[in-house]
Amino acid sequence: MTTDAMRGSVTIEEVAAAAGVSRSTVSRVVNGSTAVSPEALEAVKRAISDLNYVPNRAARSLASRQTHAIALVVPEDTTRFFGDPFFAAIVSGINARLSRSDYVLNLFIANDDPGDKTTSYVRSGAVDGAIIVSHHTSDSFIDRIASAVPVVYGGRPVRERERDYYVDVDNVRGGHDATTYLIERGHRNIATITGPLTMPAGVDRLQGYRDALRAWDLPEGEVVDGNFTADGGADAMRAILAAGARPDAIFIASDLMARGALTVLASAGLRVPEDIAIMGFDDSPVATSVTPQLTTMRQPSFAQGERMATVLLDLLAGRHPRHVTILETELVVRDSV
């Protein structure tokens, strides 16, 4: 008998018999439930391995009306998604949590969702729930997704409602702490390169910057949108220099934008940190790949991904997780300040 045939012939009842447990216990293990003793869990896993048992997902879906699939919807273009380490960390965290469940992840890069393809797919019943990250004020299609399946947002929703579930980092506090550190290091003329102000993260980090300046009774410096991209950061840095502004420090709201800004400063013959101090945000791999290495605010992107998946799994299991989870940022001091 071939391996495939053996897999097809093994039933959940045979796994239960081999493990010395009930059929319902095997079902709970297969479905990722935690309501199983460690001894039973080990026995079932050993029986599954010995018998080469593969759960029949299609049959289970028909019986339970569940697909055991989750959509990750990212309203960005492919260049942004594959070029920004933030997304890699988020996806890794989501996948790490789902790997301990029976759910699979479907990725949708849906910039403006032309033709409503993503929305129609999600609303067709093909997935049980969705995680939405990096959304903008113009992304109205995500409301149609949220009306069809349980949704957890990565970051504060653009139009926050009491019923929403989201996991965010404290971007206001992060922007405040980043700017305060620059002030405490003696800088007084501090500009900022922001993310898009159509995104809550961009708005909140700018708010934190302004709060810190206000607390120290300092004037606001140049404020330029860098679009959370390296090219955008370079363009914003050129705009600051072209305006004749000569800040002694810049809070840049992502490490990727900081990388772009550093190339422009080097071309202009300006030294970091001797002439201009640079503070980043993310503590992504970019922070240690540039020269000088970035002093930056670490946001726990992997943990954010894990937590978003956990909240959605709780919702799908009928539990009642907290609507809002806020994770803290942390200052990481290196060489750019």
Protein backbone atom coordinates (compact mmCIF):
# COMPACT_ATOMS: atom_id res chain seq x y z
CA MET A 1 0.00 0.00 0.00
CA THR A 2 1.32 3.46 -0.87
CA THR A 3 1.86 6.19 1.69
CA ASP A 4 -0.95 8.27 0.15
CA ALA A 5 -3.34 5.34 0.38
CA MET A 6 -2.39 4.73 3.97
CA ARG A 7 -3.06 8.37 4.78
CA GLY A 8 -6.46 8.22 3.17
CA SER A 9 -7.46 5.06 5.06
CA VAL A 10 -6.66 6.21 8.59
CA THR A 11 -9.65 7.52 10.50
CA ILE A 12 -9.91 9.73 13.56
CA GLU A 13 -11.35 6.73 15.44
CA GLU A 14 -8.19 4.73 14.74
CA VAL A 15 -6.04 7.60 16.03
CA ALA A 16 -8.14 7.73 19.18
CA ALA A 17 -7.78 3.98 19.71
CA ALA A 18 -4.01 4.08 19.19
CA ALA A 19 -3.67 7.01 21.61
CA GLY A 20 -6.01 5.50 24.19
CA VAL A 21 -8.23 8.58 24.25
CA SER A 22 -11.68 9.55 23.06
CA ARG A 23 -12.54 10.71 19.55
CA SER A 24 -13.40 14.17 20.92
CA THR A 25 -9.93 14.47 22.47
CA VAL A 26 -8.30 13.77 19.09
CA SER A 27 -10.63 16.34 17.53
CA ARG A 28 -9.62 18.96 20.07
CA VAL A 29 -5.92 18.32 19.39
CA VAL A 30 -6.42 18.50 15.62
CA ASN A 31 -8.34 21.76 15.97
CA GLY A 32 -5.66 23.38 18.14
CA SER A 33 -7.67 23.48 21.37
CA THR A 34 -5.74 23.98 24.61
CA ALA A 35 -8.35 22.02 26.62
CA VAL A 36 -6.24 18.84 26.50
CA SER A 37 -3.90 17.46 29.14
CA PRO A 38 -0.18 17.35 28.27
CA GLU A 39 -0.23 13.54 28.47
CA ALA A 40 -3.19 13.21 26.09
CA LEU A 41 -1.69 15.78 23.73
CA GLU A 42 1.56 13.83 23.52
CA ALA A 43 -0.26 10.52 23.02
CA VAL A 44 -2.41 11.91 20.21
CA LYS A 45 0.54 13.55 18.47
CA ARG A 46 2.48 10.27 18.66
CA ALA A 47 -0.46 8.31 17.23
CA ILE A 48 -0.94 10.84 14.42
CA SER A 49 2.74 10.53 13.53
CA ASP A 50 2.81 6.71 13.74
CA LEU A 51 -0.33 6.30 11.62
CA ASN A 52 0.48 9.11 9.14
CA TYR A 53 -2.94 10.57 9.85
CA VAL A 54 -3.94 13.67 7.86
CA PRO A 55 -7.16 15.46 8.91
CA ASN A 56 -9.79 15.76 6.19
CA ARG A 57 -10.09 19.54 6.05
CA ALA A 58 -12.84 19.54 3.44
CA ALA A 59 -15.07 17.22 5.45
CA ARG A 60 -14.49 19.17 8.63
CA SER A 61 -15.29 22.44 6.87
CA LEU A 62 -18.58 21.07 5.57
CA ALA A 63 -19.53 19.81 9.01
CA SER A 64 -18.59 22.93 10.92
CA ARG A 65 -19.27 25.56 8.24
CA GLN A 66 -15.74 26.79 8.88
CA THR A 67 -12.95 27.10 6.33
CA HIS A 68 -10.10 27.25 8.87
CA ALA A 69 -8.57 29.97 6.71
CA ILE A 70 -7.71 33.53 7.73
CA ALA A 71 -7.13 36.42 5.33
CA LEU A 72 -4.27 38.85 5.87
CA VAL A 73 -5.27 41.96 3.93
CA VAL A 74 -2.57 44.55 3.25
CA PRO A 75 -3.83 47.67 1.39
CA GLU A 76 -0.42 48.47 -0.13
CA ASP A 77 1.33 47.87 -3.43
CA THR A 78 3.74 44.97 -3.83
CA THR A 79 6.81 47.22 -3.83
CA ARG A 80 5.94 48.57 -0.40
CA PHE A 81 4.95 45.19 0.99
CA PHE A 82 8.07 43.31 -0.08
CA GLY A 83 10.42 46.25 0.52
CA ASP A 84 9.51 47.10 4.11
CA PRO A 85 10.87 44.81 6.87
CA PHE A 86 7.90 45.77 9.06
CA PHE A 87 5.63 43.50 7.03
CA ALA A 88 8.02 40.56 7.21
CA ALA A 89 8.03 40.80 11.01
CA ILE A 90 4.24 41.12 11.19
CA VAL A 91 3.66 38.12 8.91
CA SER A 92 6.22 36.06 10.85
CA GLY A 93 4.40 36.79 14.10
CA ILE A 94 0.99 35.92 12.64
CA ASN A 95 2.34 32.71 11.13
CA ALA A 96 4.04 31.70 14.38
CA ARG A 97 0.72 31.88 16.21
CA LEU A 98 -1.31 30.19 13.47
CA SER A 99 1.21 27.36 13.26
CA ARG A 100 -0.01 26.31 16.71
CA SER A 101 -3.61 26.16 15.45
CA ASP A 102 -5.45 24.45 12.62
CA TYR A 103 -5.78 27.67 10.61
CA VAL A 104 -3.96 28.60 7.42
CA LEU A 105 -3.13 32.13 6.25
CA ASN A 106 -4.18 33.61 2.91
CA LEU A 107 -2.33 36.80 1.91
CA PHE A 108 -4.03 39.56 -0.08
CA ILE A 109 -2.03 42.59 -1.22
CA ALA A 110 -4.97 44.78 -2.10
CA ASN A 111 -3.98 48.31 -3.03
CA ASP A 112 -7.41 50.01 -3.44
CA ASP A 113 -8.83 46.50 -4.21
CA PRO A 114 -9.52 47.15 -7.92
CA GLY A 115 -12.68 45.38 -8.99
CA ASP A 116 -13.44 44.44 -5.37
CA LYS A 117 -11.67 41.10 -5.91
CA THR A 118 -10.37 40.76 -2.38
CA THR A 119 -13.59 42.02 -0.83
CA SER A 120 -15.72 39.63 -2.89
CA TYR A 121 -13.49 36.68 -2.03
CA VAL A 122 -13.58 37.39 1.70
CA ARG A 123 -17.33 38.00 1.67
CA SER A 124 -17.96 34.76 -0.25
CA GLY A 125 -17.31 32.67 2.84
CA ALA A 126 -13.86 31.52 1.72
CA VAL A 127 -12.27 32.62 5.03
CA ASP A 128 -13.45 32.69 8.63
CA GLY A 129 -11.87 36.02 9.59
CA ALA A 130 -9.40 38.69 8.53
CA ILE A 131 -6.42 40.64 9.81
CA ILE A 132 -5.97 44.05 8.18
CA VAL A 133 -2.71 45.99 8.45
CA SER A 134 -1.39 49.27 7.03
CA HIS A 135 -4.73 50.81 6.17
CA HIS A 136 -5.32 54.38 4.96
CA THR A 137 -8.23 56.80 5.12
CA SER A 138 -8.99 56.05 1.46
CA ASP A 139 -9.34 52.30 2.02
CA SER A 140 -13.14 52.22 2.24
CA PHE A 141 -13.29 48.61 1.06
CA ILE A 142 -12.09 47.34 4.45
CA ASP A 143 -15.45 48.36 5.96
CA ARG A 144 -17.16 45.92 3.60
CA ILE A 145 -14.80 43.17 4.74
CA ALA A 146 -15.47 43.99 8.40
CA SER A 147 -19.22 43.72 7.81
CA ALA A 148 -18.82 40.12 6.59
CA VAL A 149 -16.29 38.42 8.89
CA PRO A 150 -14.59 39.05 12.24
CA VAL A 151 -11.68 41.46 11.73
CA VAL A 152 -8.66 42.41 13.80
CA TYR A 153 -6.75 45.52 12.76
CA GLY A 154 -3.01 45.96 12.94
CA GLY A 155 -2.90 49.49 14.27
CA ARG A 156 -5.68 51.83 15.32
CA PRO A 157 -8.39 51.83 12.65
CA VAL A 158 -8.78 54.99 10.59
CA ARG A 159 -12.42 55.24 11.68
CA GLU A 160 -12.34 53.72 15.16
CA ARG A 161 -15.58 52.24 16.51
CA GLU A 162 -16.36 50.72 19.89
CA ARG A 163 -16.87 47.27 18.38
CA ASP A 164 -13.46 47.21 16.64
CA TYR A 165 -10.62 44.95 17.72
CA TYR A 166 -7.06 46.11 17.14
CA VAL A 167 -3.49 45.64 18.28
CA ASP A 168 -1.22 48.68 18.06
CA VAL A 169 2.02 50.02 19.43
CA ASP A 170 2.01 53.23 21.44
CA ASN A 171 3.02 55.45 18.54
CA VAL A 172 2.30 58.69 20.36
CA ARG A 173 4.53 57.68 23.27
CA GLY A 174 7.16 56.40 20.85
CA GLY A 175 7.29 59.69 18.97
CA HIS A 176 7.36 61.59 22.26
CA ASP A 177 10.20 59.51 23.71
CA ALA A 178 12.24 59.70 20.51
CA THR A 179 11.98 63.49 20.38
CA THR A 180 12.58 63.86 24.11
CA TYR A 181 15.81 61.88 23.80
CA LEU A 182 17.01 64.28 21.10
CA ILE A 183 16.14 67.24 23.32
CA GLU A 184 17.91 65.73 26.30
CA ARG A 185 21.00 65.30 24.14
CA GLY A 186 21.04 69.06 23.65
CA HIS A 187 19.23 69.45 20.31
CA ARG A 188 16.84 72.35 19.98
CA ASN A 189 16.12 72.70 16.24
CA ILE A 190 14.42 69.37 15.51
CA ALA A 191 12.68 68.57 12.23
CA THR A 192 10.64 65.45 11.50
CA ILE A 193 10.00 63.24 8.48
CA THR A 194 6.59 61.67 9.00
CA GLY A 195 4.74 58.71 7.61
CA PRO A 196 1.62 59.38 5.54
CA LEU A 197 -0.86 61.44 7.49
CA THR A 198 -3.62 59.29 5.98
CA MET A 199 -2.44 56.55 8.36
CA PRO A 200 -2.94 56.57 12.14
CA ALA A 201 0.71 55.56 12.73
CA GLY A 202 1.90 58.61 10.79
CA VAL A 203 -0.50 60.90 12.64
CA ASP A 204 0.32 59.47 16.08
CA ARG A 205 4.11 59.63 15.76
CA LEU A 206 3.82 63.24 14.61
CA GLN A 207 1.60 63.96 17.62
CA GLY A 208 4.23 62.50 19.94
CA TYR A 209 6.91 64.70 18.33
CA ARG A 210 4.77 67.79 18.84
CA ASP A 211 3.90 66.88 22.43
CA ALA A 212 7.59 66.59 23.32
CA LEU A 213 8.46 69.95 21.78
CA ARG A 214 5.54 71.58 23.56
CA ALA A 215 6.62 70.08 26.89
CA TRP A 216 10.04 71.72 26.48
CA ASP A 217 8.60 74.97 25.06
CA LEU A 218 10.45 74.48 21.77
CA PRO A 219 9.26 75.56 18.32
CA GLU A 220 8.21 72.99 15.75
CA GLY A 221 10.76 72.34 13.03
CA GLU A 222 10.24 71.35 9.39
CA VAL A 223 7.56 68.66 8.96
CA VAL A 224 7.69 66.67 5.70
CA ASP A 225 5.85 63.48 4.71
CA GLY A 226 8.22 60.67 3.67
CA ASN A 227 5.52 58.06 2.91
CA PHE A 228 7.20 55.35 5.03
CA THR A 229 9.55 54.47 2.13
CA ALA A 230 13.28 54.92 1.51
CA ASP A 231 12.64 56.99 -1.62
CA GLY A 232 10.12 59.10 0.29
CA GLY A 233 12.62 59.66 3.08
CA ALA A 234 15.24 60.79 0.56
CA ASP A 235 12.79 63.17 -1.11
CA ALA A 236 11.73 64.59 2.26
CA MET A 237 15.36 65.14 3.26
CA ARG A 238 16.01 66.98 -0.01
CA ALA A 239 12.94 69.15 0.64
CA ILE A 240 14.19 70.07 4.13
CA LEU A 241 17.62 71.03 2.81
CA ALA A 242 16.15 72.88 -0.20
CA ALA A 243 13.99 74.96 2.15
CA GLY A 244 17.16 76.29 3.73
CA ALA A 245 16.37 74.58 7.00
CA ARG A 246 19.39 73.45 8.98
CA PRO A 247 18.02 71.34 11.83
CA ASP A 248 20.51 69.91 14.28
CA ALA A 249 18.41 66.77 14.64
CA ILE A 250 15.63 64.94 12.77
CA PHE A 251 13.10 62.47 14.12
CA ILE A 252 12.34 60.17 11.20
CA ALA A 253 9.25 58.04 11.74
CA SER A 254 10.62 54.83 10.18
CA ASP A 255 14.05 53.29 9.74
CA LEU A 256 13.37 52.82 6.03
CA MET A 257 12.82 56.56 5.56
CA ALA A 258 15.93 57.20 7.65
CA ARG A 259 17.98 55.08 5.24
CA GLY A 260 16.86 57.28 2.36
CA ALA A 261 17.59 60.43 4.33
CA LEU A 262 21.10 59.25 5.21
CA THR A 263 22.03 58.87 1.53
CA VAL A 264 20.97 62.46 0.84
CA LEU A 265 22.87 63.82 3.85
CA ALA A 266 26.02 61.95 2.77
CA SER A 267 25.73 63.37 -0.75
CA ALA A 268 25.37 66.87 0.74
CA GLY A 269 28.55 66.40 2.78
CA LEU A 270 26.70 66.47 6.10
CA ARG A 271 27.91 64.12 8.83
CA VAL A 272 25.70 62.08 11.13
CA PRO A 273 25.61 62.67 14.05
CA GLU A 274 28.26 65.45 14.06
CA ASP A 275 26.25 67.84 11.84
CA ILE A 276 22.75 66.36 12.14
CA ALA A 277 21.53 63.71 14.57
CA ILE A 278 19.10 61.13 13.17
CA MET A 279 16.52 59.24 15.22
CA GLY A 280 14.64 56.38 13.54
CA PHE A 281 11.61 54.27 14.41
CA ASP A 282 11.06 50.47 14.13
CA ASP A 283 14.42 48.90 14.98
CA SER A 284 14.09 46.84 11.82
CA PRO A 285 17.13 45.15 10.20
CA VAL A 286 17.60 48.43 8.31
CA ALA A 287 18.74 50.09 11.55
CA THR A 288 21.94 48.04 11.72
CA SER A 289 22.56 47.87 7.96
CA VAL A 290 23.27 51.59 7.51
CA THR A 291 26.23 53.76 8.50
CA PRO A 292 26.08 55.04 11.13
CA GLN A 293 23.81 52.49 12.75
CA LEU A 294 20.53 54.05 13.79
CA THR A 295 19.45 55.10 17.23
CA THR A 296 15.78 54.23 16.96
CA MET A 297 12.54 53.36 18.72
CA ARG A 298 11.92 49.62 18.71
CA GLN A 299 8.37 48.55 17.99
CA PRO A 300 7.59 44.88 18.69
CA SER A 301 6.27 43.98 15.23
CA PHE A 302 6.63 40.21 15.63
CA ALA A 303 4.74 40.33 18.95
CA GLN A 304 2.10 42.53 17.33
CA GLY A 305 1.55 39.93 14.61
CA GLU A 306 1.30 37.14 17.18
CA ARG A 307 -1.15 39.10 19.28
CA MET A 308 -3.39 39.99 16.31
CA ALA A 309 -3.65 36.33 15.39
CA THR A 310 -4.41 35.38 19.00
CA VAL A 311 -7.22 37.95 19.25
CA LEU A 312 -8.77 36.71 16.00
CA LEU A 313 -8.52 33.06 17.04
CA ASP A 314 -10.20 33.96 20.33
CA LEU A 315 -13.04 35.66 18.46
CA LEU A 316 -13.49 32.67 16.15
CA ALA A 317 -13.57 30.36 19.16
CA GLY A 318 -16.38 32.38 20.75
CA ARG A 319 -14.20 33.93 23.43
CA HIS A 320 -14.19 37.61 24.38
CA PRO A 321 -10.72 39.18 24.00
CA ARG A 322 -9.96 42.79 24.80
CA HIS A 323 -10.98 45.18 22.05
CA VAL A 324 -7.75 47.20 22.28
CA THR A 325 -4.22 45.96 22.92
CA ILE A 326 -1.38 48.50 23.05
CA LEU A 327 2.26 47.36 23.00
CA GLU A 328 5.10 49.54 24.26
CA THR A 329 8.03 50.91 22.25
CA GLU A 330 11.62 50.95 23.49
CA LEU A 331 14.56 53.30 22.83
CA VAL A 332 17.59 51.57 21.26
CA VAL A 333 20.72 53.72 21.37
CA ARG A 334 23.34 53.29 18.65
CA ASP A 335 25.48 55.74 16.69
CA SER A 336 23.27 58.24 14.83
CA VAL A 337 22.54 60.59 17.76
